[in-house]
Amino acid sequence: MTVRLLFVCTGNTCRSPLAEAIARKVCVERGLTDIEASSAGTSAWDGASASDGALLVGLERGLDLNAHRARQLTRDLVAGADLVLAMGPHHLERIEALGGEGKSHLVTSYASRGTVSRAVNDPMGGELDVYRATVDELERDVKQIVERIVAERDRGGREA
């Protein structure tokens, strides 16, 4: 059974496309073909490319965001996802308002199994070092998220 992940931030030009690209890379590296990642934004401008900072830092990490195009979070996107991961509390509220209650979590909370519950820093408009710090955080969290999904799947869907 395929697990469909949806990462959500505000504009879908920095954090969520980076998280999506990291998840795809982690899945390729681990040979996981049954986890799909996508992203959207609560206030996205449909069709916008990834921010310059996200593109540059992505390239440094082997993440190609050139083809990324932002899209607005919709009820259909939420319904089509198995797990919706929000960058901040206000994103989580919007996801839940669109029907995502019960399958939506903060990235940090899901990755840490509830021991950490804070927003992922928004690098928009910051220097490249700010983007690098955000990618460092996302790389840690997304790896833990994938590990949790695999562990829960291997245990028949029960909490690992």
Protein backbone atom coordinates (compact mmCIF):
# COMPACT_ATOMS: atom_id res chain seq x y z
CA MET A 1 0.00 0.00 0.00
CA THR A 2 1.37 3.40 -1.01
CA VAL A 3 1.61 6.13 1.62
CA ARG A 4 0.90 9.57 0.19
CA LEU A 5 2.63 12.38 2.11
CA LEU A 6 1.66 16.02 1.69
CA PHE A 7 3.94 18.72 3.13
CA VAL A 8 2.32 22.11 3.72
CA CYS A 9 3.76 25.58 4.31
CA THR A 10 2.57 29.07 3.39
CA GLY A 11 3.71 29.86 -0.15
CA ASN A 12 4.87 26.39 -1.26
CA THR A 13 8.15 27.91 -2.44
CA CYS A 14 10.58 27.13 0.42
CA ARG A 15 9.92 24.70 3.26
CA SER A 16 7.33 22.34 1.80
CA PRO A 17 9.03 21.85 -1.59
CA LEU A 18 12.33 21.25 0.21
CA ALA A 19 10.67 18.71 2.51
CA GLU A 20 9.05 17.03 -0.51
CA ALA A 21 12.42 16.82 -2.32
CA ILE A 22 14.16 15.50 0.80
CA ALA A 23 11.47 12.83 1.27
CA ARG A 24 11.84 11.73 -2.34
CA LYS A 25 15.62 11.56 -2.01
CA VAL A 26 15.43 9.58 1.25
CA CYS A 27 12.97 7.13 -0.32
CA VAL A 28 15.19 6.64 -3.39
CA GLU A 29 18.26 6.10 -1.18
CA ARG A 30 16.36 3.52 0.91
CA GLY A 31 14.73 1.84 -2.07
CA LEU A 32 11.23 2.72 -0.86
CA THR A 33 8.87 2.82 -3.81
CA ASP A 34 5.65 2.87 -1.79
CA ILE A 35 5.97 6.38 -0.29
CA GLU A 36 4.99 9.36 -2.44
CA ALA A 37 5.67 12.96 -1.44
CA SER A 38 4.06 16.17 -2.63
CA SER A 39 3.57 19.68 -1.29
CA ALA A 40 1.21 22.64 -1.25
CA GLY A 41 0.79 26.03 0.42
CA THR A 42 -1.98 27.66 2.41
CA SER A 43 -1.40 30.94 0.55
CA ALA A 44 0.40 29.71 -2.55
CA TRP A 45 0.51 31.52 -5.85
CA ASP A 46 -0.26 28.65 -8.24
CA GLY A 47 2.61 28.06 -10.65
CA ALA A 48 5.28 30.00 -8.74
CA SER A 49 8.74 28.45 -8.81
CA ALA A 50 10.73 27.60 -5.72
CA SER A 51 12.44 30.58 -4.10
CA ASP A 52 16.01 31.39 -5.14
CA GLY A 53 17.31 30.42 -1.70
CA ALA A 54 15.52 27.07 -1.80
CA LEU A 55 16.82 26.40 -5.32
CA LEU A 56 20.43 27.22 -4.39
CA VAL A 57 20.53 25.35 -1.10
CA GLY A 58 18.67 22.47 -2.74
CA LEU A 59 21.40 22.22 -5.36
CA GLU A 60 24.04 22.15 -2.61
CA ARG A 61 22.24 19.13 -1.11
CA GLY A 62 21.51 17.31 -4.34
CA LEU A 63 17.84 18.35 -4.37
CA ASP A 64 16.59 19.55 -7.75
CA LEU A 65 13.71 22.00 -7.33
CA ASN A 66 13.84 23.39 -10.87
CA ALA A 67 10.60 21.70 -11.93
CA HIS A 68 8.71 22.65 -8.76
CA ARG A 69 5.59 24.77 -9.18
CA ALA A 70 3.64 26.02 -6.19
CA ARG A 71 0.05 25.00 -5.69
CA GLN A 72 -2.69 26.08 -3.34
CA LEU A 73 -3.78 23.68 -0.61
CA THR A 74 -7.25 22.36 -1.38
CA ARG A 75 -9.77 20.01 0.19
CA ASP A 76 -9.04 17.52 -2.64
CA LEU A 77 -5.29 17.54 -1.93
CA VAL A 78 -5.94 16.94 1.75
CA ALA A 79 -8.42 14.14 0.97
CA GLY A 80 -5.93 12.48 -1.38
CA ALA A 81 -3.14 12.35 1.20
CA ASP A 82 -2.64 9.68 3.84
CA LEU A 83 -0.50 11.92 6.04
CA VAL A 84 -0.42 15.73 5.93
CA LEU A 85 2.57 17.39 7.57
CA ALA A 86 2.44 21.08 8.44
CA MET A 87 5.39 23.41 8.92
CA GLY A 88 3.57 25.49 11.56
CA PRO A 89 0.46 25.61 13.76
CA HIS A 90 -1.46 27.96 11.43
CA HIS A 91 -0.89 25.55 8.53
CA LEU A 92 -2.20 22.71 10.70
CA GLU A 93 -5.35 24.69 11.47
CA ARG A 94 -5.98 25.24 7.74
CA ILE A 95 -5.36 21.56 6.93
CA GLU A 96 -7.83 20.49 9.61
CA ALA A 97 -10.41 23.02 8.34
CA LEU A 98 -10.10 21.32 4.94
CA GLY A 99 -10.88 17.89 6.38
CA GLY A 100 -7.44 16.73 7.49
CA GLU A 101 -8.22 16.13 11.13
CA GLY A 102 -6.80 12.83 12.35
CA LYS A 103 -4.17 12.59 9.62
CA SER A 104 -2.39 15.93 9.98
CA HIS A 105 0.50 16.80 12.26
CA LEU A 106 3.28 19.32 12.68
CA VAL A 107 6.43 18.07 10.95
CA THR A 108 8.41 18.38 14.18
CA SER A 109 5.75 16.64 16.27
CA TYR A 110 5.34 13.69 13.90
CA ALA A 111 9.10 13.28 13.47
CA SER A 112 9.72 13.36 17.23
CA ARG A 113 6.66 11.24 18.11
CA GLY A 114 5.25 14.18 20.05
CA THR A 115 8.31 15.14 22.09
CA VAL A 116 8.87 18.34 20.05
CA SER A 117 6.04 20.55 18.87
CA ARG A 118 7.22 23.72 17.17
CA ALA A 119 7.16 25.32 13.76
CA VAL A 120 9.91 24.73 11.21
CA ASN A 121 11.76 28.03 10.73
CA ASP A 122 10.63 29.93 7.62
CA PRO A 123 13.73 31.00 5.66
CA MET A 124 11.82 33.19 3.16
CA GLY A 125 13.79 36.35 2.51
CA GLY A 126 16.71 35.22 4.64
CA GLU A 127 20.35 34.71 3.77
CA LEU A 128 21.53 31.35 2.44
CA ASP A 129 22.70 30.35 5.94
CA VAL A 130 19.08 30.65 7.12
CA TYR A 131 17.99 28.34 4.28
CA ARG A 132 20.79 25.92 5.14
CA ALA A 133 19.65 25.77 8.78
CA THR A 134 16.08 25.06 7.65
CA VAL A 135 17.25 22.31 5.31
CA ASP A 136 19.36 20.80 8.12
CA GLU A 137 16.24 20.70 10.29
CA LEU A 138 14.06 19.30 7.50
CA GLU A 139 16.62 16.61 6.63
CA ARG A 140 16.62 15.38 10.25
CA ASP A 141 12.83 15.51 10.58
CA VAL A 142 12.00 13.97 7.20
CA LYS A 143 14.38 11.05 7.79
CA GLN A 144 12.65 10.41 11.14
CA ILE A 145 9.24 10.69 9.44
CA VAL A 146 10.18 8.10 6.81
CA GLU A 147 11.61 5.82 9.51
CA ARG A 148 8.36 6.12 11.49
CA ILE A 149 6.22 5.33 8.44
CA VAL A 150 8.32 2.26 7.65
CA ALA A 151 8.29 1.06 11.28
CA GLU A 152 4.51 1.50 11.58
CA ARG A 153 3.89 -0.23 8.26
CA ASP A 154 6.13 -3.12 9.30
CA ARG A 155 4.11 -3.45 12.50
CA GLY A 156 0.81 -3.57 10.64
CA GLY A 157 -0.13 0.07 11.09
CA ARG A 158 0.22 0.17 14.86
CA GLU A 159 2.21 2.94 16.51
CA ALA A 160 5.87 2.05 16.49
